[in-house]
C-alpha atoms as a PDB file:
ATOM      1  CA  UNK A   1     -11.015  -0.380  11.247  1.00  0.00           C
ATOM      2  CA  UNK A   2      -8.794  -0.640  14.301  1.00  0.00           C
ATOM      3  CA  UNK A   3      -7.941  -4.261  13.543  1.00  0.00           C
ATOM      4  CA  UNK A   4      -6.203  -3.274  10.285  1.00  0.00           C
ATOM      5  CA  UNK A   5      -3.753  -1.237  12.382  1.00  0.00           C
ATOM      6  CA  UNK A   6      -3.372  -3.353  15.519  1.00  0.00           C
ATOM      7  CA  UNK A   7      -3.462  -6.941  14.202  1.00  0.00           C
ATOM      8  CA  UNK A   8      -3.347  -7.022  10.391  1.00  0.00           C
ATOM      9  CA  UNK A   9      -1.504 -10.355  10.402  1.00  0.00           C
ATOM     10  CA  UNK A  10      -4.611 -11.980  11.906  1.00  0.00           C
ATOM     11  CA  UNK A  11      -7.224 -10.355   9.669  1.00  0.00           C
ATOM     12  CA  UNK A  12      -9.694 -12.519   7.780  1.00  0.00           C
ATOM     13  CA  UNK A  13     -13.041 -12.288   5.981  1.00  0.00           C
ATOM     14  CA  UNK A  14     -14.763 -12.663   9.365  1.00  0.00           C
ATOM     15  CA  UNK A  15     -13.515  -9.172  10.258  1.00  0.00           C
ATOM     16  CA  UNK A  16     -15.476  -7.786   7.320  1.00  0.00           C
ATOM     17  CA  UNK A  17     -18.587  -9.877   7.994  1.00  0.00           C
ATOM     18  CA  UNK A  18     -20.305  -7.399  10.380  1.00  0.00           C
ATOM     19  CA  UNK A  19     -19.974  -4.675   7.755  1.00  0.00           C
ATOM     20  CA  UNK A  20     -21.356  -6.988   5.080  1.00  0.00           C
ATOM     21  CA  UNK A  21     -24.516  -7.473   7.132  1.00  0.00           C
ATOM     22  CA  UNK A  22     -25.099  -3.723   6.907  1.00  0.00           C
ATOM     23  CA  UNK A  23     -23.576  -2.725   3.557  1.00  0.00           C
ATOM     24  CA  UNK A  24     -23.718  -5.956   1.561  1.00  0.00           C
ATOM     25  CA  UNK A  25     -21.216  -6.119  -1.285  1.00  0.00           C
ATOM     26  CA  UNK A  26     -20.351  -2.455  -0.699  1.00  0.00           C
ATOM     27  CA  UNK A  27     -18.194  -3.798   2.142  1.00  0.00           C
ATOM     28  CA  UNK A  28     -15.628  -4.594  -0.550  1.00  0.00           C
ATOM     29  CA  UNK A  29     -15.283  -0.874  -1.217  1.00  0.00           C
ATOM     30  CA  UNK A  30     -14.697  -0.236   2.485  1.00  0.00           C
ATOM     31  CA  UNK A  31     -11.912  -2.821   2.493  1.00  0.00           C
ATOM     32  CA  UNK A  32     -10.308  -1.141  -0.517  1.00  0.00           C
ATOM     33  CA  UNK A  33     -10.541   2.278   1.123  1.00  0.00           C
ATOM     34  CA  UNK A  34      -8.950   0.955   4.326  1.00  0.00           C
ATOM     35  CA  UNK A  35      -6.115  -0.504   2.279  1.00  0.00           C
ATOM     36  CA  UNK A  36      -5.750   2.779   0.408  1.00  0.00           C
ATOM     37  CA  UNK A  37      -5.296   4.725   3.627  1.00  0.00           C
ATOM     38  CA  UNK A  38      -2.547   2.335   4.720  1.00  0.00           C
ATOM     39  CA  UNK A  39      -0.888   2.907   1.340  1.00  0.00           C
ATOM     40  CA  UNK A  40      -0.868   6.696   1.179  1.00  0.00           C
ATOM     41  CA  UNK A  41      -0.224   7.283   4.885  1.00  0.00           C
ATOM     42  CA  UNK A  42       2.851   5.062   4.788  1.00  0.00           C
ATOM     43  CA  UNK A  43       4.368   6.918   1.860  1.00  0.00           C
ATOM     44  CA  UNK A  44       3.826  10.237   3.649  1.00  0.00           C
ATOM     45  CA  UNK A  45       5.213   8.921   6.948  1.00  0.00           C
ATOM     46  CA  UNK A  46       8.182   7.041   5.498  1.00  0.00           C
ATOM     47  CA  UNK A  47       9.326  10.097   3.553  1.00  0.00           C
ATOM     48  CA  UNK A  48       8.228  12.600   6.229  1.00  0.00           C
ATOM     49  CA  UNK A  49       5.912  14.484   3.896  1.00  0.00           C
ATOM     50  CA  UNK A  50       4.328  17.149   6.078  1.00  0.00           C
ATOM     51  CA  UNK A  51       0.601  17.717   5.783  1.00  0.00           C
ATOM     52  CA  UNK A  52       1.382  21.426   5.647  1.00  0.00           C
ATOM     53  CA  UNK A  53       4.400  22.987   3.953  1.00  0.00           C
ATOM     54  CA  UNK A  54       3.819  26.308   5.710  1.00  0.00           C
ATOM     55  CA  UNK A  55       5.151  27.299   9.133  1.00  0.00           C
ATOM     56  CA  UNK A  56       2.488  27.332  11.849  1.00  0.00           C
ATOM     57  CA  UNK A  57       2.342  31.121  11.960  1.00  0.00           C
ATOM     58  CA  UNK A  58       1.392  31.411   8.290  1.00  0.00           C
ATOM     59  CA  UNK A  59      -1.332  28.755   8.238  1.00  0.00           C
ATOM     60  CA  UNK A  60      -3.932  31.295   9.328  1.00  0.00           C
ATOM     61  CA  UNK A  61      -3.632  33.014   5.931  1.00  0.00           C
ATOM     62  CA  UNK A  62      -6.221  31.253   3.785  1.00  0.00           C
ATOM     63  CA  UNK A  63      -4.613  32.179   0.453  1.00  0.00           C
ATOM     64  CA  UNK A  64      -1.267  30.759   1.553  1.00  0.00           C
ATOM     65  CA  UNK A  65      -2.904  27.582   2.865  1.00  0.00           C
ATOM     66  CA  UNK A  66      -4.578  26.994  -0.485  1.00  0.00           C
ATOM     67  CA  UNK A  67      -1.298  27.596  -2.284  1.00  0.00           C
ATOM     68  CA  UNK A  68       0.468  25.062  -0.038  1.00  0.00           C
ATOM     69  CA  UNK A  69      -2.189  22.431  -0.770  1.00  0.00           C
ATOM     70  CA  UNK A  70      -1.735  23.008  -4.502  1.00  0.00           C
ATOM     71  CA  UNK A  71       2.023  22.675  -4.120  1.00  0.00           C
ATOM     72  CA  UNK A  72       1.758  19.372  -2.234  1.00  0.00           C
ATOM     73  CA  UNK A  73      -0.712  18.061  -4.823  1.00  0.00           C
ATOM     74  CA  UNK A  74       1.712  18.973  -7.587  1.00  0.00           C
ATOM     75  CA  UNK A  75       4.581  17.203  -5.809  1.00  0.00           C
ATOM     76  CA  UNK A  76       2.550  14.008  -5.391  1.00  0.00           C
ATOM     77  CA  UNK A  77       1.419  14.149  -9.022  1.00  0.00           C
ATOM     78  CA  UNK A  78       5.067  14.002 -10.113  1.00  0.00           C
ATOM     79  CA  UNK A  79       5.579  10.602  -8.502  1.00  0.00           C
ATOM     80  CA  UNK A  80       2.114   9.039  -8.353  1.00  0.00           C
ATOM     81  CA  UNK A  81      -0.314   8.695 -11.246  1.00  0.00           C
ATOM     82  CA  UNK A  82      -3.391  10.549 -10.005  1.00  0.00           C
ATOM     83  CA  UNK A  83      -5.296  10.420 -13.271  1.00  0.00           C
ATOM     84  CA  UNK A  84      -8.741   8.885 -13.551  1.00  0.00           C
ATOM     85  CA  UNK A  85      -8.714   5.279 -14.710  1.00  0.00           C
ATOM     86  CA  UNK A  86     -11.185   3.745 -17.112  1.00  0.00           C
ATOM     87  CA  UNK A  87     -13.378   1.231 -15.289  1.00  0.00           C
ATOM     88  CA  UNK A  88     -14.882  -1.654 -17.225  1.00  0.00           C
ATOM     89  CA  UNK A  89     -18.603  -2.191 -17.229  1.00  0.00           C
ATOM     90  CA  UNK A  90     -18.595  -5.874 -16.352  1.00  0.00           C
ATOM     91  CA  UNK A  91     -16.843  -8.759 -14.645  1.00  0.00           C
ATOM     92  CA  UNK A  92     -15.730  -9.967 -18.070  1.00  0.00           C
ATOM     93  CA  UNK A  93     -14.174  -6.574 -18.923  1.00  0.00           C
ATOM     94  CA  UNK A  94     -12.264  -6.524 -15.651  1.00  0.00           C
ATOM     95  CA  UNK A  95     -10.990 -10.075 -16.112  1.00  0.00           C
ATOM     96  CA  UNK A  96      -9.864  -9.325 -19.667  1.00  0.00           C
ATOM     97  CA  UNK A  97      -7.667  -6.500 -18.402  1.00  0.00           C
ATOM     98  CA  UNK A  98      -6.012  -8.417 -15.579  1.00  0.00           C
ATOM     99  CA  UNK A  99      -5.822 -11.889 -17.145  1.00  0.00           C
ATOM    100  CA  UNK A 100      -2.398 -11.443 -18.818  1.00  0.00           C
ATOM    101  CA  UNK A 101      -0.840 -10.674 -15.429  1.00  0.00           C
ATOM    102  CA  UNK A 102      -2.431 -13.622 -13.604  1.00  0.00           C
ATOM    103  CA  UNK A 103      -2.476 -16.381 -16.217  1.00  0.00           C
ATOM    104  CA  UNK A 104       0.679 -17.990 -14.803  1.00  0.00           C
ATOM    105  CA  UNK A 105      -0.971 -18.317 -11.381  1.00  0.00           C
ATOM    106  CA  UNK A 106      -4.193 -19.964 -12.470  1.00  0.00           C
ATOM    107  CA  UNK A 107      -7.599 -19.091 -13.936  1.00  0.00           C
ATOM    108  CA  UNK A 108      -8.214 -15.402 -13.101  1.00  0.00           C
ATOM    109  CA  UNK A 109     -11.923 -16.024 -12.567  1.00  0.00           C
ATOM    110  CA  UNK A 110     -11.084 -18.464  -9.770  1.00  0.00           C
ATOM    111  CA  UNK A 111      -8.324 -16.358  -8.227  1.00  0.00           C
ATOM    112  CA  UNK A 112     -10.615 -13.323  -8.076  1.00  0.00           C
ATOM    113  CA  UNK A 113     -13.903 -15.099  -7.332  1.00  0.00           C
ATOM    114  CA  UNK A 114     -14.509 -13.135  -4.062  1.00  0.00           C
ATOM    115  CA  UNK A 115     -14.653  -9.942  -6.164  1.00  0.00           C
ATOM    116  CA  UNK A 116     -17.178 -11.164  -8.718  1.00  0.00           C
ATOM    117  CA  UNK A 117     -19.899  -8.860  -7.386  1.00  0.00           C
ATOM    118  CA  UNK A 118     -17.567  -5.851  -7.592  1.00  0.00           C
ATOM    119  CA  UNK A 119     -15.711  -5.694 -10.947  1.00  0.00           C
ATOM    120  CA  UNK A 120     -14.244  -2.296 -10.106  1.00  0.00           C
ATOM    121  CA  UNK A 121     -12.279  -3.973  -7.307  1.00  0.00           C
ATOM    122  CA  UNK A 122     -10.597  -6.131  -9.958  1.00  0.00           C
ATOM    123  CA  UNK A 123      -9.728  -2.924 -11.797  1.00  0.00           C
ATOM    124  CA  UNK A 124      -8.087  -1.598  -8.624  1.00  0.00           C
ATOM    125  CA  UNK A 125      -5.932  -4.730  -8.367  1.00  0.00           C
ATOM    126  CA  UNK A 126      -5.056  -4.505 -12.071  1.00  0.00           C
ATOM    127  CA  UNK A 127      -3.986  -0.864 -11.692  1.00  0.00           C
ATOM    128  CA  UNK A 128      -1.790  -1.734  -8.701  1.00  0.00           C
ATOM    129  CA  UNK A 129      -0.094  -4.519 -10.649  1.00  0.00           C
ATOM    130  CA  UNK A 130       0.509  -2.187 -13.585  1.00  0.00           C
ATOM    131  CA  UNK A 131       2.041   0.459 -11.321  1.00  0.00           C
ATOM    132  CA  UNK A 132       4.366  -2.082  -9.721  1.00  0.00           C
ATOM    133  CA  UNK A 133       5.443  -3.860 -12.898  1.00  0.00           C
ATOM    134  CA  UNK A 134       5.761  -0.914 -15.265  1.00  0.00           C
ATOM    135  CA  UNK A 135       6.726   2.123 -13.200  1.00  0.00           C
ATOM    136  CA  UNK A 136       8.924   0.975 -10.330  1.00  0.00           C
ATOM    137  CA  UNK A 137      12.696   1.267 -10.696  1.00  0.00           C
ATOM    138  CA  UNK A 138      13.164  -1.690  -8.325  1.00  0.00           C
ATOM    139  CA  UNK A 139      14.093  -5.126  -9.623  1.00  0.00           C
ATOM    140  CA  UNK A 140      11.965  -8.150  -8.814  1.00  0.00           C
ATOM    141  CA  UNK A 141      14.330  -9.501  -6.162  1.00  0.00           C
ATOM    142  CA  UNK A 142      14.220  -6.214  -4.212  1.00  0.00           C
ATOM    143  CA  UNK A 143      10.420  -6.090  -4.405  1.00  0.00           C
ATOM    144  CA  UNK A 144      10.337  -9.689  -3.181  1.00  0.00           C
ATOM    145  CA  UNK A 145      12.569  -8.770  -0.238  1.00  0.00           C
ATOM    146  CA  UNK A 146      10.218  -5.921   0.636  1.00  0.00           C
ATOM    147  CA  UNK A 147       7.174  -8.198   0.502  1.00  0.00           C
ATOM    148  CA  UNK A 148       8.868 -10.789   2.708  1.00  0.00           C
ATOM    149  CA  UNK A 149       9.983  -8.169   5.225  1.00  0.00           C
ATOM    150  CA  UNK A 150       6.526  -6.577   5.400  1.00  0.00           C
ATOM    151  CA  UNK A 151       4.825  -9.929   5.883  1.00  0.00           C
ATOM    152  CA  UNK A 152       7.245 -10.858   8.662  1.00  0.00           C
ATOM    153  CA  UNK A 153       6.749  -7.496  10.398  1.00  0.00           C
ATOM    154  CA  UNK A 154       2.942  -7.341  10.263  1.00  0.00           C
ATOM    155  CA  UNK A 155       1.603  -6.616  13.748  1.00  0.00           C
ATOM    156  CA  UNK A 156      -0.275  -9.372  15.530  1.00  0.00           C
ATOM    157  CA  UNK A 157      -1.270  -7.337  18.587  1.00  0.00           C
ATOM    158  CA  UNK A 158      -1.318  -3.715  19.811  1.00  0.00           C
ATOM    159  CA  UNK A 159       2.046  -4.358  21.491  1.00  0.00           C
ATOM    160  CA  UNK A 160       3.621  -4.693  18.038  1.00  0.00           C
ATOM    161  CA  UNK A 161       2.747  -1.112  17.056  1.00  0.00           C
ATOM    162  CA  UNK A 162       3.962   0.474  20.297  1.00  0.00           C
ATOM    163  CA  UNK A 163       7.218   0.511  22.189  1.00  0.00           C
ATOM    164  CA  UNK A 164      10.510  -0.424  20.577  1.00  0.00           C
ATOM    165  CA  UNK A 165      11.553  -3.610  18.818  1.00  0.00           C
ATOM    166  CA  UNK A 166      14.776  -4.902  17.332  1.00  0.00           C
ATOM    167  CA  UNK A 167      14.856  -4.221  13.621  1.00  0.00           C
ATOM    168  CA  UNK A 168      16.833  -6.023  10.887  1.00  0.00           C
ATOM    169  CA  UNK A 169      20.388  -4.934  10.128  1.00  0.00           C
ATOM    170  CA  UNK A 170      19.761  -4.881   6.372  1.00  0.00           C
ATOM    171  CA  UNK A 171      18.733  -1.285   5.468  1.00  0.00           C
ATOM    172  CA  UNK A 172      15.951  -2.316   3.069  1.00  0.00           C
ATOM    173  CA  UNK A 173      14.469  -4.788   5.527  1.00  0.00           C
ATOM    174  CA  UNK A 174      14.800  -2.250   8.353  1.00  0.00           C
ATOM    175  CA  UNK A 175      12.973   0.342   6.230  1.00  0.00           C
ATOM    176  CA  UNK A 176      10.205  -2.189   5.564  1.00  0.00           C
ATOM    177  CA  UNK A 177      10.020  -3.217   9.232  1.00  0.00           C
ATOM    178  CA  UNK A 178       9.646   0.326  10.535  1.00  0.00           C
ATOM    179  CA  UNK A 179       7.353   1.209   7.624  1.00  0.00           C
ATOM    180  CA  UNK A 180       5.060  -1.644   8.605  1.00  0.00           C
ATOM    181  CA  UNK A 181       5.072  -1.241  12.391  1.00  0.00           C
ATOM    182  CA  UNK A 182       5.321   2.562  12.811  1.00  0.00           C
ATOM    183  CA  UNK A 183       6.244   4.398   9.626  1.00  0.00           C
ATOM    184  CA  UNK A 184       6.394   7.794  11.326  1.00  0.00           C
ATOM    185  CA  UNK A 185       9.544   6.663  13.152  1.00  0.00           C
ATOM    186  CA  UNK A 186      11.689   6.592  10.022  1.00  0.00           C
ATOM    187  CA  UNK A 187      14.913   8.477  10.740  1.00  0.00           C
ATOM    188  CA  UNK A 188      17.414  10.356   8.552  1.00  0.00           C
ATOM    189  CA  UNK A 189      19.938   7.694   9.566  1.00  0.00           C
ATOM    190  CA  UNK A 190      17.787   4.990   7.958  1.00  0.00           C
ATOM    191  CA  UNK A 191      17.593   7.001   4.739  1.00  0.00           C
ATOM    192  CA  UNK A 192      21.365   7.525   4.799  1.00  0.00           C
ATOM    193  CA  UNK A 193      21.847   3.769   5.207  1.00  0.00           C
ATOM    194  CA  UNK A 194      19.739   3.175   2.098  1.00  0.00           C
ATOM    195  CA  UNK A 195      21.890   5.632   0.165  1.00  0.00           C
ATOM    196  CA  UNK A 196      25.072   3.885   1.308  1.00  0.00           C
ATOM    197  CA  UNK A 197      23.550   0.639   0.073  1.00  0.00           C
ATOM    198  CA  UNK A 198      23.262   2.173  -3.412  1.00  0.00           C
ATOM    199  CA  UNK A 199      19.703   3.530  -3.524  1.00  0.00           C
ATOM    200  CA  UNK A 200      19.278   7.000  -4.991  1.00  0.00           C
ATOM    201  CA  UNK A 201      16.346   9.317  -4.280  1.00  0.00           C
ATOM    202  CA  UNK A 202      14.106   7.650  -6.883  1.00  0.00           C
ATOM    203  CA  UNK A 203      15.044   4.228  -5.541  1.00  0.00           C
ATOM    204  CA  UNK A 204      14.177   5.286  -1.978  1.00  0.00           C
ATOM    205  CA  UNK A 205      10.847   6.672  -3.189  1.00  0.00           C
ATOM    206  CA  UNK A 206      10.111   3.394  -4.971  1.00  0.00           C
ATOM    207  CA  UNK A 207      11.052   1.443  -1.838  1.00  0.00           C
ATOM    208  CA  UNK A 208       8.535   3.512   0.122  1.00  0.00           C
ATOM    209  CA  UNK A 209       5.895   2.818  -2.534  1.00  0.00           C
ATOM    210  CA  UNK A 210       6.703  -0.918  -2.494  1.00  0.00           C
ATOM    211  CA  UNK A 211       6.388  -1.010   1.301  1.00  0.00           C
ATOM    212  CA  UNK A 212       3.094   0.867   1.094  1.00  0.00           C
ATOM    213  CA  UNK A 213       1.882  -1.508  -1.642  1.00  0.00           C
ATOM    214  CA  UNK A 214       2.751  -4.579   0.402  1.00  0.00           C
ATOM    215  CA  UNK A 215       1.007  -3.192   3.499  1.00  0.00           C
ATOM    216  CA  UNK A 216      -2.088  -2.297   1.497  1.00  0.00           C
ATOM    217  CA  UNK A 217      -2.271  -5.737  -0.091  1.00  0.00           C
ATOM    218  CA  UNK A 218      -1.578  -7.569   3.191  1.00  0.00           C
ATOM    219  CA  UNK A 219      -4.787  -6.126   4.586  1.00  0.00           C
ATOM    220  CA  UNK A 220      -6.873  -6.235   1.427  1.00  0.00           C
ATOM    221  CA  UNK A 221      -6.304  -9.874   0.546  1.00  0.00           C
ATOM    222  CA  UNK A 222      -6.961 -11.009   4.102  1.00  0.00           C
ATOM    223  CA  UNK A 223     -10.218  -9.074   4.444  1.00  0.00           C
ATOM    224  CA  UNK A 224     -11.506 -10.176   1.034  1.00  0.00           C
ATOM    225  CA  UNK A 225     -10.282 -13.770   1.125  1.00  0.00           C
ATOM    226  CA  UNK A 226      -8.031 -13.422  -1.924  1.00  0.00           C
ATOM    227  CA  UNK A 227      -4.946 -15.440  -2.815  1.00  0.00           C
ATOM    228  CA  UNK A 228      -1.857 -13.602  -1.491  1.00  0.00           C
ATOM    229  CA  UNK A 229       0.166 -14.663  -4.556  1.00  0.00           C
ATOM    230  CA  UNK A 230      -1.948 -12.432  -6.811  1.00  0.00           C
ATOM    231  CA  UNK A 231       0.220  -9.492  -5.778  1.00  0.00           C
ATOM    232  CA  UNK A 232       3.204 -10.871  -3.883  1.00  0.00           C
ATOM    233  CA  UNK A 233       6.501 -11.350  -5.703  1.00  0.00           C
ATOM    234  CA  UNK A 234       8.477 -14.449  -4.703  1.00  0.00           C
ATOM    235  CA  UNK A 235      12.227 -14.738  -4.814  1.00  0.00           C
END
């Protein structure tokens, strides 16, 4: 949906309503897919992962093209868990998995009430929380800074995703700002600034993932009417 790119800060359940009239509760899946595209595309753009590892002249060779796709898949598999996840059969199963991570925020059944008709959506949220809490090398304060920077940078109009805008001086916040507005504009200088600030290659990768996570969730929770605090980390 164009609105998820041009004005994500203003999204709400009403933006999903027309799709619900056609697809019913399957509209939840569409919202998750839209969020997923914002996640994976940002990682690729922030880190300048080319869609093709081959030079243009060699892409006509089918065998080489297939080999390049396998290579890129292998590279992503080293940093992102691409394995199939077990999906519970019921709302109760999904709540049981996620409850330990949400109990401090309130009753999970109330926090996730908009997803009651789609338990697998709860499983998606649970998997995202597990990835963030158990696999990221970033500390909670850095993740919180990323979330705050992404939320502040979310576009409110097409003008926010075009042209040039002043970005924060802090290298992490600048990375999040550009990653939210126009991730393809990340420069080597921005990456160098992150390194000077003490982030190694794994840390920079995890920053990109955190920015992608925050952008995905910013759109998903607005479209589905979920509590932002389910995923956001506060300082």
